[in-house]
Amino acid sequence: VSQVITQKTVQEIPLNGRHFLDLAPLTPGTMTPNQNG
């Protein structure tokens, strides 16, 4: 069970900080760690 974040998404979506891992929540079931993580 997987999903590919394509080059178009990686290169064209604006990111505050320009860190590719911030695109990971675009994958279903993925989120940033909670506050007590």
PDB file of all heavy atoms in Angstrom:
ATOM      1  N   VAL A   1       0.867  -1.180   0.000  1.00  0.00           N
ATOM      2  CA  VAL A   1       0.000   0.000   0.000  1.00  0.00           C
ATOM      3  C   VAL A   1       0.901   1.227   0.000  1.00  0.00           C
ATOM      4  O   VAL A   1       1.656   1.452   0.947  1.00  0.00           O
ATOM      5  CB  VAL A   1      -0.925   0.005   1.229  1.00  0.00           C
ATOM      6  CG1 VAL A   1      -1.805   1.249   1.223  1.00  0.00           C
ATOM      7  CG2 VAL A   1      -1.775  -1.256   1.253  1.00  0.00           C
ATOM      8  N   SER A   2       0.831   2.019  -1.074  1.00  0.00           N
ATOM      9  CA  SER A   2       1.803   3.105  -1.219  1.00  0.00           C
ATOM     10  C   SER A   2       1.229   4.227  -2.068  1.00  0.00           C
ATOM     11  O   SER A   2       0.175   4.088  -2.698  1.00  0.00           O
ATOM     12  CB  SER A   2       3.088   2.575  -1.874  1.00  0.00           C
ATOM     13  OG  SER A   2       2.801   2.063  -3.170  1.00  0.00           O
ATOM     14  N   GLN A   3       1.959   5.341  -2.071  1.00  0.00           N
ATOM     15  CA  GLN A   3       1.617   6.466  -2.935  1.00  0.00           C
ATOM     16  C   GLN A   3       2.894   7.200  -3.309  1.00  0.00           C
ATOM     17  O   GLN A   3       3.799   7.362  -2.485  1.00  0.00           O
ATOM     18  CB  GLN A   3       0.666   7.443  -2.243  1.00  0.00           C
ATOM     19  CG  GLN A   3       0.314   8.656  -3.127  1.00  0.00           C
ATOM     20  CD  GLN A   3      -0.745   9.547  -2.520  1.00  0.00           C
ATOM     21  OE1 GLN A   3      -1.509   9.122  -1.660  1.00  0.00           O
ATOM     22  NE2 GLN A   3      -0.802  10.787  -2.961  1.00  0.00           N
ATOM     23  N   VAL A   4       2.968   7.632  -4.574  1.00  0.00           N
ATOM     24  CA  VAL A   4       4.117   8.373  -5.071  1.00  0.00           C
ATOM     25  C   VAL A   4       3.777   9.862  -5.109  1.00  0.00           C
ATOM     26  O   VAL A   4       2.749  10.253  -5.658  1.00  0.00           O
ATOM     27  CB  VAL A   4       4.518   7.887  -6.478  1.00  0.00           C
ATOM     28  CG1 VAL A   4       5.637   8.759  -7.052  1.00  0.00           C
ATOM     29  CG2 VAL A   4       4.952   6.432  -6.429  1.00  0.00           C
ATOM     30  N   ILE A   5       4.637  10.681  -4.517  1.00  0.00           N
ATOM     31  CA  ILE A   5       4.543  12.133  -4.647  1.00  0.00           C
ATOM     32  C   ILE A   5       5.382  12.501  -5.859  1.00  0.00           C
ATOM     33  O   ILE A   5       6.614  12.393  -5.836  1.00  0.00           O
ATOM     34  CB  ILE A   5       5.054  12.857  -3.387  1.00  0.00           C
ATOM     35  CG1 ILE A   5       4.337  12.323  -2.135  1.00  0.00           C
ATOM     36  CG2 ILE A   5       4.853  14.354  -3.512  1.00  0.00           C
ATOM     37  CD1 ILE A   5       2.844  12.533  -2.135  1.00  0.00           C
ATOM     38  N   THR A   6       4.742  12.904  -6.950  1.00  0.00           N
ATOM     39  CA  THR A   6       5.416  13.071  -8.237  1.00  0.00           C
ATOM     40  C   THR A   6       6.293  14.317  -8.263  1.00  0.00           C
ATOM     41  O   THR A   6       6.209  15.193  -7.399  1.00  0.00           O
ATOM     42  CB  THR A   6       4.389  13.163  -9.365  1.00  0.00           C
ATOM     43  OG1 THR A   6       3.578  14.335  -9.169  1.00  0.00           O
ATOM     44  CG2 THR A   6       3.483  11.928  -9.380  1.00  0.00           C
ATOM     45  N   GLN A   7       7.129  14.399  -9.300  1.00  0.00           N
ATOM     46  CA  GLN A   7       8.045  15.529  -9.433  1.00  0.00           C
ATOM     47  C   GLN A   7       7.282  16.838  -9.603  1.00  0.00           C
ATOM     48  O   GLN A   7       7.707  17.877  -9.094  1.00  0.00           O
ATOM     49  CB  GLN A   7       8.983  15.316 -10.621  1.00  0.00           C
ATOM     50  CG  GLN A   7       9.997  16.439 -10.804  1.00  0.00           C
ATOM     51  CD  GLN A   7      11.029  16.132 -11.874  1.00  0.00           C
ATOM     52  OE1 GLN A   7      11.240  14.980 -12.232  1.00  0.00           O
ATOM     53  NE2 GLN A   7      11.683  17.153 -12.378  1.00  0.00           N
ATOM     54  N   LYS A   8       6.154  16.817 -10.313  1.00  0.00           N
ATOM     55  CA  LYS A   8       5.368  18.033 -10.492  1.00  0.00           C
ATOM     56  C   LYS A   8       4.900  18.576  -9.140  1.00  0.00           C
ATOM     57  O   LYS A   8       4.978  19.780  -8.874  1.00  0.00           O
ATOM     58  CB  LYS A   8       4.163  17.745 -11.389  1.00  0.00           C
ATOM     59  CG  LYS A   8       3.260  18.959 -11.636  1.00  0.00           C
ATOM     60  CD  LYS A   8       2.116  18.586 -12.562  1.00  0.00           C
ATOM     61  CE  LYS A   8       1.181  19.769 -12.779  1.00  0.00           C
ATOM     62  NZ  LYS A   8       1.825  20.894 -13.457  1.00  0.00           N
ATOM     63  N   THR A   9       4.437  17.669  -8.265  1.00  0.00           N
ATOM     64  CA  THR A   9       3.996  18.099  -6.934  1.00  0.00           C
ATOM     65  C   THR A   9       5.171  18.597  -6.111  1.00  0.00           C
ATOM     66  O   THR A   9       5.088  19.635  -5.447  1.00  0.00           O
ATOM     67  CB  THR A   9       3.307  16.927  -6.207  1.00  0.00           C
ATOM     68  OG1 THR A   9       2.199  16.479  -6.989  1.00  0.00           O
ATOM     69  CG2 THR A   9       2.798  17.358  -4.848  1.00  0.00           C
ATOM     70  N   VAL A  10       6.285  17.863  -6.154  1.00  0.00           N
ATOM     71  CA  VAL A  10       7.454  18.236  -5.354  1.00  0.00           C
ATOM     72  C   VAL A  10       7.974  19.613  -5.755  1.00  0.00           C
ATOM     73  O   VAL A  10       8.316  20.442  -4.898  1.00  0.00           O
ATOM     74  CB  VAL A  10       8.562  17.179  -5.504  1.00  0.00           C
ATOM     75  CG1 VAL A  10       9.857  17.658  -4.857  1.00  0.00           C
ATOM     76  CG2 VAL A  10       8.129  15.861  -4.889  1.00  0.00           C
ATOM     77  N   GLN A  11       8.030  19.879  -7.051  1.00  0.00           N
ATOM     78  CA  GLN A  11       8.656  21.102  -7.527  1.00  0.00           C
ATOM     79  C   GLN A  11       7.726  22.309  -7.543  1.00  0.00           C
ATOM     80  O   GLN A  11       8.204  23.450  -7.481  1.00  0.00           O
ATOM     81  CB  GLN A  11       9.214  20.881  -8.941  1.00  0.00           C
ATOM     82  CG  GLN A  11      10.275  19.800  -9.024  1.00  0.00           C
ATOM     83  CD  GLN A  11      11.510  20.142  -8.220  1.00  0.00           C
ATOM     84  OE1 GLN A  11      11.919  21.289  -8.132  1.00  0.00           O
ATOM     85  NE2 GLN A  11      12.108  19.137  -7.605  1.00  0.00           N
ATOM     86  N   GLU A  12       6.412  22.107  -7.614  1.00  0.00           N
ATOM     87  CA  GLU A  12       5.521  23.236  -7.841  1.00  0.00           C
ATOM     88  C   GLU A  12       4.705  23.661  -6.628  1.00  0.00           C
ATOM     89  O   GLU A  12       4.239  24.799  -6.575  1.00  0.00           O
ATOM     90  CB  GLU A  12       4.570  22.922  -9.011  1.00  0.00           C
ATOM     91  CG  GLU A  12       5.302  22.757 -10.340  1.00  0.00           C
ATOM     92  CD  GLU A  12       4.337  22.565 -11.502  1.00  0.00           C
ATOM     93  OE1 GLU A  12       3.110  22.671 -11.282  1.00  0.00           O
ATOM     94  OE2 GLU A  12       4.818  22.315 -12.623  1.00  0.00           O
ATOM     95  N   ILE A  13       4.494  22.787  -5.638  1.00  0.00           N
ATOM     96  CA  ILE A  13       3.730  23.198  -4.456  1.00  0.00           C
ATOM     97  C   ILE A  13       4.600  24.067  -3.564  1.00  0.00           C
ATOM     98  O   ILE A  13       5.718  23.667  -3.202  1.00  0.00           O
ATOM     99  CB  ILE A  13       3.221  21.966  -3.676  1.00  0.00           C
ATOM    100  CG1 ILE A  13       2.070  21.310  -4.436  1.00  0.00           C
ATOM    101  CG2 ILE A  13       2.772  22.337  -2.279  1.00  0.00           C
ATOM    102  CD1 ILE A  13       1.390  20.190  -3.698  1.00  0.00           C
ATOM    103  N   PRO A  14       4.141  25.271  -3.201  1.00  0.00           N
ATOM    104  CA  PRO A  14       4.946  26.136  -2.325  1.00  0.00           C
ATOM    105  C   PRO A  14       5.035  25.547  -0.918  1.00  0.00           C
ATOM    106  O   PRO A  14       4.046  25.085  -0.362  1.00  0.00           O
ATOM    107  CB  PRO A  14       4.172  27.466  -2.338  1.00  0.00           C
ATOM    108  CG  PRO A  14       2.772  27.089  -2.691  1.00  0.00           C
ATOM    109  CD  PRO A  14       2.863  25.900  -3.598  1.00  0.00           C
ATOM    110  N   LEU A  15       6.240  25.564  -0.355  1.00  0.00           N
ATOM    111  CA  LEU A  15       6.480  25.013   0.975  1.00  0.00           C
ATOM    112  C   LEU A  15       7.192  26.045   1.835  1.00  0.00           C
ATOM    113  O   LEU A  15       8.243  26.567   1.439  1.00  0.00           O
ATOM    114  CB  LEU A  15       7.330  23.743   0.893  1.00  0.00           C
ATOM    115  CG  LEU A  15       6.702  22.510   0.252  1.00  0.00           C
ATOM    116  CD1 LEU A  15       7.744  21.408   0.120  1.00  0.00           C
ATOM    117  CD2 LEU A  15       5.531  22.030   1.073  1.00  0.00           C
ATOM    118  N   ASN A  16       6.645  26.320   2.980  1.00  0.00           N
ATOM    119  CA  ASN A  16       7.298  27.218   3.922  1.00  0.00           C
ATOM    120  C   ASN A  16       8.462  26.476   4.572  1.00  0.00           C
ATOM    121  O   ASN A  16       8.272  25.573   5.379  1.00  0.00           O
ATOM    122  CB  ASN A  16       6.303  27.676   4.990  1.00  0.00           C
ATOM    123  CG  ASN A  16       6.930  28.679   5.946  1.00  0.00           C
ATOM    124  OD1 ASN A  16       7.985  29.233   5.671  1.00  0.00           O
ATOM    125  ND2 ASN A  16       6.266  28.914   7.062  1.00  0.00           N
ATOM    126  N   GLY A  17       9.674  26.845   4.194  1.00  0.00           N
ATOM    127  CA  GLY A  17      10.853  26.153   4.665  1.00  0.00           C
ATOM    128  C   GLY A  17      11.481  25.252   3.629  1.00  0.00           C
ATOM    129  O   GLY A  17      12.623  24.832   3.768  1.00  0.00           O
ATOM    130  N   ARG A  18      10.713  24.915   2.564  1.00  0.00           N
ATOM    131  CA  ARG A  18      11.232  24.120   1.443  1.00  0.00           C
ATOM    132  C   ARG A  18      11.797  22.781   1.915  1.00  0.00           C
ATOM    133  O   ARG A  18      12.890  22.380   1.544  1.00  0.00           O
ATOM    134  CB  ARG A  18      12.307  24.913   0.690  1.00  0.00           C
ATOM    135  CG  ARG A  18      11.742  26.097  -0.056  1.00  0.00           C
ATOM    136  CD  ARG A  18      12.835  26.992  -0.631  1.00  0.00           C
ATOM    137  NE  ARG A  18      13.797  26.254  -1.423  1.00  0.00           N
ATOM    138  CZ  ARG A  18      13.616  25.873  -2.698  1.00  0.00           C
ATOM    139  NH1 ARG A  18      12.488  26.163  -3.307  1.00  0.00           N
ATOM    140  NH2 ARG A  18      14.564  25.227  -3.349  1.00  0.00           N
ATOM    141  N   HIS A  19      11.030  22.046   2.740  1.00  0.00           N
ATOM    142  CA  HIS A  19      11.427  20.723   3.197  1.00  0.00           C
ATOM    143  C   HIS A  19      10.485  19.689   2.582  1.00  0.00           C
ATOM    144  O   HIS A  19       9.269  19.756   2.786  1.00  0.00           O
ATOM    145  CB  HIS A  19      11.385  20.636   4.718  1.00  0.00           C
ATOM    146  CG  HIS A  19      12.201  21.689   5.405  1.00  0.00           C
ATOM    147  ND1 HIS A  19      13.554  21.817   5.205  1.00  0.00           N
ATOM    148  CD2 HIS A  19      11.844  22.677   6.281  1.00  0.00           C
ATOM    149  CE1 HIS A  19      14.007  22.825   5.930  1.00  0.00           C
ATOM    150  NE2 HIS A  19      12.992  23.357   6.576  1.00  0.00           N
ATOM    151  N   PHE A  20      11.049  18.732   1.842  1.00  0.00           N
ATOM    152  CA  PHE A  20      10.215  17.794   1.093  1.00  0.00           C
ATOM    153  C   PHE A  20       9.341  16.941   2.006  1.00  0.00           C
ATOM    154  O   PHE A  20       8.249  16.525   1.610  1.00  0.00           O
ATOM    155  CB  PHE A  20      11.090  16.896   0.212  1.00  0.00           C
ATOM    156  CG  PHE A  20      11.684  15.718   0.923  1.00  0.00           C
ATOM    157  CD1 PHE A  20      11.022  14.501   0.954  1.00  0.00           C
ATOM    158  CD2 PHE A  20      12.901  15.818   1.575  1.00  0.00           C
ATOM    159  CE1 PHE A  20      11.557  13.416   1.619  1.00  0.00           C
ATOM    160  CE2 PHE A  20      13.443  14.738   2.235  1.00  0.00           C
ATOM    161  CZ  PHE A  20      12.771  13.536   2.252  1.00  0.00           C
ATOM    162  N   LEU A  21       9.772  16.694   3.240  1.00  0.00           N
ATOM    163  CA  LEU A  21       8.995  15.842   4.135  1.00  0.00           C
ATOM    164  C   LEU A  21       7.664  16.485   4.511  1.00  0.00           C
ATOM    165  O   LEU A  21       6.741  15.796   4.946  1.00  0.00           O
ATOM    166  CB  LEU A  21       9.808  15.524   5.395  1.00  0.00           C
ATOM    167  CG  LEU A  21       9.460  14.226   6.136  1.00  0.00           C
ATOM    168  CD1 LEU A  21       9.534  13.031   5.196  1.00  0.00           C
ATOM    169  CD2 LEU A  21      10.389  14.025   7.323  1.00  0.00           C
ATOM    170  N   ASP A  22       7.544  17.806   4.312  1.00  0.00           N
ATOM    171  CA  ASP A  22       6.267  18.474   4.576  1.00  0.00           C
ATOM    172  C   ASP A  22       5.196  18.094   3.560  1.00  0.00           C
ATOM    173  O   ASP A  22       4.012  18.400   3.749  1.00  0.00           O
ATOM    174  CB  ASP A  22       6.458  20.000   4.572  1.00  0.00           C
ATOM    175  CG  ASP A  22       7.293  20.476   5.750  1.00  0.00           C
ATOM    176  OD1 ASP A  22       7.310  19.765   6.776  1.00  0.00           O
ATOM    177  OD2 ASP A  22       7.926  21.546   5.661  1.00  0.00           O
ATOM    178  N   LEU A  23       5.597  17.437   2.458  1.00  0.00           N
ATOM    179  CA  LEU A  23       4.635  16.963   1.468  1.00  0.00           C
ATOM    180  C   LEU A  23       4.046  15.605   1.835  1.00  0.00           C
ATOM    181  O   LEU A  23       3.075  15.163   1.236  1.00  0.00           O
ATOM    182  CB  LEU A  23       5.302  16.850   0.088  1.00  0.00           C
ATOM    183  CG  LEU A  23       5.733  18.154  -0.577  1.00  0.00           C
ATOM    184  CD1 LEU A  23       6.570  17.860  -1.814  1.00  0.00           C
ATOM    185  CD2 LEU A  23       4.533  18.995  -0.945  1.00  0.00           C
ATOM    186  N   ALA A  24       4.644  14.934   2.814  1.00  0.00           N
ATOM    187  CA  ALA A  24       4.203  13.590   3.176  1.00  0.00           C
ATOM    188  C   ALA A  24       2.737  13.527   3.604  1.00  0.00           C
ATOM    189  O   ALA A  24       2.050  12.543   3.297  1.00  0.00           O
ATOM    190  CB  ALA A  24       5.104  13.018   4.275  1.00  0.00           C
ATOM    191  N   PRO A  25       2.184  14.533   4.325  1.00  0.00           N
ATOM    192  CA  PRO A  25       0.765  14.451   4.702  1.00  0.00           C
ATOM    193  C   PRO A  25      -0.211  14.422   3.525  1.00  0.00           C
ATOM    194  O   PRO A  25      -1.402  14.213   3.733  1.00  0.00           O
ATOM    195  CB  PRO A  25       0.561  15.712   5.560  1.00  0.00           C
ATOM    196  CG  PRO A  25       1.900  15.975   6.161  1.00  0.00           C
ATOM    197  CD  PRO A  25       2.869  15.619   5.058  1.00  0.00           C
ATOM    198  N   LEU A  26       0.277  14.617   2.290  1.00  0.00           N
ATOM    199  CA  LEU A  26      -0.587  14.454   1.124  1.00  0.00           C
ATOM    200  C   LEU A  26      -0.960  12.981   0.915  1.00  0.00           C
ATOM    201  O   LEU A  26      -1.891  12.676   0.181  1.00  0.00           O
ATOM    202  CB  LEU A  26       0.107  14.985  -0.134  1.00  0.00           C
ATOM    203  CG  LEU A  26       0.380  16.498  -0.173  1.00  0.00           C
ATOM    204  CD1 LEU A  26       1.154  16.856  -1.429  1.00  0.00           C
ATOM    205  CD2 LEU A  26      -0.914  17.286  -0.111  1.00  0.00           C
ATOM    206  N   THR A  27      -0.214  12.076   1.555  1.00  0.00           N
ATOM    207  CA  THR A  27      -0.506  10.651   1.470  1.00  0.00           C
ATOM    208  C   THR A  27      -1.571  10.276   2.492  1.00  0.00           C
ATOM    209  O   THR A  27      -1.470  10.652   3.662  1.00  0.00           O
ATOM    210  CB  THR A  27       0.776   9.835   1.752  1.00  0.00           C
ATOM    211  OG1 THR A  27       1.790  10.212   0.814  1.00  0.00           O
ATOM    212  CG2 THR A  27       0.510   8.353   1.623  1.00  0.00           C
ATOM    213  N   PRO A  28      -2.630   9.558   2.079  1.00  0.00           N
ATOM    214  CA  PRO A  28      -3.662   9.154   3.047  1.00  0.00           C
ATOM    215  C   PRO A  28      -3.073   8.375   4.223  1.00  0.00           C
ATOM    216  O   PRO A  28      -2.202   7.518   4.043  1.00  0.00           O
ATOM    217  CB  PRO A  28      -4.586   8.259   2.203  1.00  0.00           C
ATOM    218  CG  PRO A  28      -4.393   8.716   0.797  1.00  0.00           C
ATOM    219  CD  PRO A  28      -2.949   9.127   0.708  1.00  0.00           C
ATOM    220  N   GLY A  29      -3.550   8.707   5.430  1.00  0.00           N
ATOM    221  CA  GLY A  29      -3.071   8.028   6.625  1.00  0.00           C
ATOM    222  C   GLY A  29      -1.795   8.597   7.197  1.00  0.00           C
ATOM    223  O   GLY A  29      -1.224   8.027   8.126  1.00  0.00           O
ATOM    224  N   THR A  30      -1.324   9.730   6.643  1.00  0.00           N
ATOM    225  CA  THR A  30      -0.068  10.329   7.094  1.00  0.00           C
ATOM    226  C   THR A  30      -0.329  11.690   7.723  1.00  0.00           C
ATOM    227  O   THR A  30      -1.133  12.470   7.218  1.00  0.00           O
ATOM    228  CB  THR A  30       0.914  10.482   5.922  1.00  0.00           C
ATOM    229  OG1 THR A  30       1.148   9.207   5.331  1.00  0.00           O
ATOM    230  CG2 THR A  30       2.233  11.066   6.380  1.00  0.00           C
ATOM    231  N   MET A  31       0.368  11.978   8.805  1.00  0.00           N
ATOM    232  CA  MET A  31       0.199  13.256   9.515  1.00  0.00           C
ATOM    233  C   MET A  31       1.515  13.622  10.197  1.00  0.00           C
ATOM    234  O   MET A  31       2.421  12.794  10.318  1.00  0.00           O
ATOM    235  CB  MET A  31      -0.907  13.138  10.568  1.00  0.00           C
ATOM    236  CG  MET A  31      -0.661  12.051  11.602  1.00  0.00           C
ATOM    237  SD  MET A  31      -1.955  11.901  12.833  1.00  0.00           S
ATOM    238  CE  MET A  31      -1.699  13.412  13.743  1.00  0.00           C
ATOM    239  N   THR A  32       1.617  14.878  10.599  1.00  0.00           N
ATOM    240  CA  THR A  32       2.776  15.298  11.378  1.00  0.00           C
ATOM    241  C   THR A  32       2.641  14.749  12.796  1.00  0.00           C
ATOM    242  O   THR A  32       1.535  14.533  13.281  1.00  0.00           O
ATOM    243  CB  THR A  32       2.875  16.828  11.427  1.00  0.00           C
ATOM    244  OG1 THR A  32       1.639  17.357  11.939  1.00  0.00           O
ATOM    245  CG2 THR A  32       3.112  17.395  10.036  1.00  0.00           C
ATOM    246  N   PRO A  33       3.751  14.499  13.488  1.00  0.00           N
ATOM    247  CA  PRO A  33       3.668  13.957  14.851  1.00  0.00           C
ATOM    248  C   PRO A  33       2.886  14.874  15.773  1.00  0.00           C
ATOM    249  O   PRO A  33       2.920  16.098  15.636  1.00  0.00           O
ATOM    250  CB  PRO A  33       5.139  13.849  15.279  1.00  0.00           C
ATOM    251  CG  PRO A  33       5.907  13.776  14.006  1.00  0.00           C
ATOM    252  CD  PRO A  33       5.140  14.608  13.020  1.00  0.00           C
ATOM    253  N   ASN A  34       2.159  14.289  16.734  1.00  0.00           N
ATOM    254  CA  ASN A  34       1.381  15.107  17.664  1.00  0.00           C
ATOM    255  C   ASN A  34       2.302  15.845  18.632  1.00  0.00           C
ATOM    256  O   ASN A  34       3.506  15.607  18.686  1.00  0.00           O
ATOM    257  CB  ASN A  34       0.371  14.230  18.426  1.00  0.00           C
ATOM    258  CG  ASN A  34       1.040  13.058  19.116  1.00  0.00           C
ATOM    259  OD1 ASN A  34       2.084  13.214  19.730  1.00  0.00           O
ATOM    260  ND2 ASN A  34       0.447  11.877  18.994  1.00  0.00           N
ATOM    261  N   GLN A  35       1.718  16.732  19.419  1.00  0.00           N
ATOM    262  CA  GLN A  35       2.511  17.647  20.234  1.00  0.00           C
ATOM    263  C   GLN A  35       3.342  16.955  21.306  1.00  0.00           C
ATOM    264  O   GLN A  35       4.327  17.520  21.778  1.00  0.00           O
ATOM    265  CB  GLN A  35       1.584  18.682  20.886  1.00  0.00           C
ATOM    266  CG  GLN A  35       0.964  19.647  19.892  1.00  0.00           C
ATOM    267  CD  GLN A  35       2.023  20.419  19.121  1.00  0.00           C
ATOM    268  OE1 GLN A  35       2.915  21.025  19.712  1.00  0.00           O
ATOM    269  NE2 GLN A  35       1.936  20.403  17.802  1.00  0.00           N
ATOM    270  N   ASN A  36       2.925  15.777  21.747  1.00  0.00           N
ATOM    271  CA  ASN A  36       3.725  15.064  22.736  1.00  0.00           C
ATOM    272  C   ASN A  36       4.523  13.934  22.104  1.00  0.00           C
ATOM    273  O   ASN A  36       4.940  13.001  22.792  1.00  0.00           O
ATOM    274  CB  ASN A  36       2.832  14.511  23.858  1.00  0.00           C
ATOM    275  CG  ASN A  36       1.780  13.543  23.326  1.00  0.00           C
ATOM    276  OD1 ASN A  36       1.629  13.403  22.119  1.00  0.00           O
ATOM    277  ND2 ASN A  36       1.057  12.887  24.225  1.00  0.00           N
ATOM    278  N   GLY A  37       4.739  14.009  20.786  1.00  0.00           N
ATOM    279  CA  GLY A  37       5.523  13.002  20.086  1.00  0.00           C
ATOM    280  C   GLY A  37       7.006  13.125  20.392  1.00  0.00           C
ATOM    281  O   GLY A  37       7.473  14.096  21.006  1.00  0.00           O
TER     282      GLY A  37
END
